[in-house]
């Protein structure tokens, strides 16, 4: 199983909408609204890393996303 974490910064005031849209994206297993340098931590899982990549690209295209950081799980 391939896994990745995606950290998101979003436009202030769009947190609820972004959370709902991200939850609809295939391979998203968890979303967490957090305080700190990033606004969300997203956990993705799939059998293929390509599928995770495609899901991340869909998330990055959502309106209100300011920046992302992707971390692929190695073990």
C-alpha atoms as a PDB file:
ATOM      1  CA  UNK A   1       0.000   0.000   0.000  1.00  0.00           C
ATOM      2  CA  UNK A   2       1.344   3.418  -1.004  1.00  0.00           C
ATOM      3  CA  UNK A   3       0.771   6.342   1.353  1.00  0.00           C
ATOM      4  CA  UNK A   4       1.388  10.077   1.398  1.00  0.00           C
ATOM      5  CA  UNK A   5       0.629  13.083   3.553  1.00  0.00           C
ATOM      6  CA  UNK A   6      -0.318  16.382   1.980  1.00  0.00           C
ATOM      7  CA  UNK A   7      -0.057  19.628   3.941  1.00  0.00           C
ATOM      8  CA  UNK A   8      -2.269  22.481   2.757  1.00  0.00           C
ATOM      9  CA  UNK A   9      -2.447  26.216   3.247  1.00  0.00           C
ATOM     10  CA  UNK A  10      -5.779  27.679   2.245  1.00  0.00           C
ATOM     11  CA  UNK A  11      -7.334  31.109   1.840  1.00  0.00           C
ATOM     12  CA  UNK A  12      -8.688  32.271   5.199  1.00  0.00           C
ATOM     13  CA  UNK A  13     -12.426  31.688   5.425  1.00  0.00           C
ATOM     14  CA  UNK A  14     -12.469  28.759   2.966  1.00  0.00           C
ATOM     15  CA  UNK A  15     -11.578  26.027   5.469  1.00  0.00           C
ATOM     16  CA  UNK A  16     -15.031  24.402   5.650  1.00  0.00           C
ATOM     17  CA  UNK A  17     -15.491  24.356   1.880  1.00  0.00           C
ATOM     18  CA  UNK A  18     -11.963  23.073   1.229  1.00  0.00           C
ATOM     19  CA  UNK A  19     -12.398  20.310   3.798  1.00  0.00           C
ATOM     20  CA  UNK A  20     -15.638  19.125   2.172  1.00  0.00           C
ATOM     21  CA  UNK A  21     -14.132  19.187  -1.344  1.00  0.00           C
ATOM     22  CA  UNK A  22     -10.933  17.376  -0.307  1.00  0.00           C
ATOM     23  CA  UNK A  23     -12.960  14.599   1.364  1.00  0.00           C
ATOM     24  CA  UNK A  24     -14.596  13.892  -2.022  1.00  0.00           C
ATOM     25  CA  UNK A  25     -11.254  13.226  -3.762  1.00  0.00           C
ATOM     26  CA  UNK A  26     -10.462   9.577  -4.397  1.00  0.00           C
ATOM     27  CA  UNK A  27      -7.746   8.053  -2.158  1.00  0.00           C
ATOM     28  CA  UNK A  28      -8.198  10.651   0.624  1.00  0.00           C
ATOM     29  CA  UNK A  29      -8.497   8.696   3.863  1.00  0.00           C
ATOM     30  CA  UNK A  30      -8.328  11.465   6.489  1.00  0.00           C
ATOM     31  CA  UNK A  31      -8.430  15.251   6.662  1.00  0.00           C
ATOM     32  CA  UNK A  32      -7.371  17.210   9.747  1.00  0.00           C
ATOM     33  CA  UNK A  33      -7.755  20.956  10.242  1.00  0.00           C
ATOM     34  CA  UNK A  34      -4.738  22.020  12.313  1.00  0.00           C
ATOM     35  CA  UNK A  35      -3.072  25.139  13.690  1.00  0.00           C
ATOM     36  CA  UNK A  36       0.512  26.014  12.837  1.00  0.00           C
ATOM     37  CA  UNK A  37       2.416  26.544   9.610  1.00  0.00           C
ATOM     38  CA  UNK A  38      -0.203  24.594   7.641  1.00  0.00           C
ATOM     39  CA  UNK A  39      -3.997  24.549   7.790  1.00  0.00           C
ATOM     40  CA  UNK A  40      -4.670  20.904   6.906  1.00  0.00           C
ATOM     41  CA  UNK A  41      -2.965  17.523   7.039  1.00  0.00           C
ATOM     42  CA  UNK A  42      -4.393  15.079   4.499  1.00  0.00           C
ATOM     43  CA  UNK A  43      -3.638  11.325   4.507  1.00  0.00           C
ATOM     44  CA  UNK A  44      -3.865   9.520   1.160  1.00  0.00           C
ATOM     45  CA  UNK A  45      -3.596   5.783   0.463  1.00  0.00           C
ATOM     46  CA  UNK A  46      -3.731   3.694  -2.691  1.00  0.00           C
ATOM     47  CA  UNK A  47      -2.261   0.569  -4.228  1.00  0.00           C
ATOM     48  CA  UNK A  48      -0.473   2.689  -6.841  1.00  0.00           C
ATOM     49  CA  UNK A  49       1.618   5.816  -6.252  1.00  0.00           C
ATOM     50  CA  UNK A  50       0.303   7.104  -9.589  1.00  0.00           C
ATOM     51  CA  UNK A  51      -3.213   7.196  -8.140  1.00  0.00           C
ATOM     52  CA  UNK A  52      -1.997   9.222  -5.164  1.00  0.00           C
ATOM     53  CA  UNK A  53      -0.263  11.618  -7.546  1.00  0.00           C
ATOM     54  CA  UNK A  54      -3.484  12.093  -9.514  1.00  0.00           C
ATOM     55  CA  UNK A  55      -5.445  12.756  -6.321  1.00  0.00           C
ATOM     56  CA  UNK A  56      -2.894  15.343  -5.181  1.00  0.00           C
ATOM     57  CA  UNK A  57      -3.092  17.086  -8.559  1.00  0.00           C
ATOM     58  CA  UNK A  58      -6.905  17.288  -8.188  1.00  0.00           C
ATOM     59  CA  UNK A  59      -6.580  18.784  -4.709  1.00  0.00           C
ATOM     60  CA  UNK A  60      -3.997  21.333  -5.857  1.00  0.00           C
ATOM     61  CA  UNK A  61      -6.465  22.585  -8.508  1.00  0.00           C
ATOM     62  CA  UNK A  62      -9.187  23.361  -5.958  1.00  0.00           C
ATOM     63  CA  UNK A  63     -10.071  27.021  -5.590  1.00  0.00           C
ATOM     64  CA  UNK A  64      -8.766  28.399  -2.305  1.00  0.00           C
ATOM     65  CA  UNK A  65      -5.589  26.313  -2.068  1.00  0.00           C
ATOM     66  CA  UNK A  66      -2.628  28.645  -1.503  1.00  0.00           C
ATOM     67  CA  UNK A  67       0.212  26.120  -1.158  1.00  0.00           C
ATOM     68  CA  UNK A  68       0.920  22.432  -0.588  1.00  0.00           C
ATOM     69  CA  UNK A  69       3.692  20.189   0.669  1.00  0.00           C
ATOM     70  CA  UNK A  70       3.676  16.493  -0.216  1.00  0.00           C
ATOM     71  CA  UNK A  71       5.421  13.845   1.859  1.00  0.00           C
ATOM     72  CA  UNK A  72       5.516  10.291   0.485  1.00  0.00           C
ATOM     73  CA  UNK A  73       5.725   7.571   3.113  1.00  0.00           C
ATOM     74  CA  UNK A  74       8.817   5.429   2.534  1.00  0.00           C
ATOM     75  CA  UNK A  75       8.069   2.441   4.746  1.00  0.00           C
END
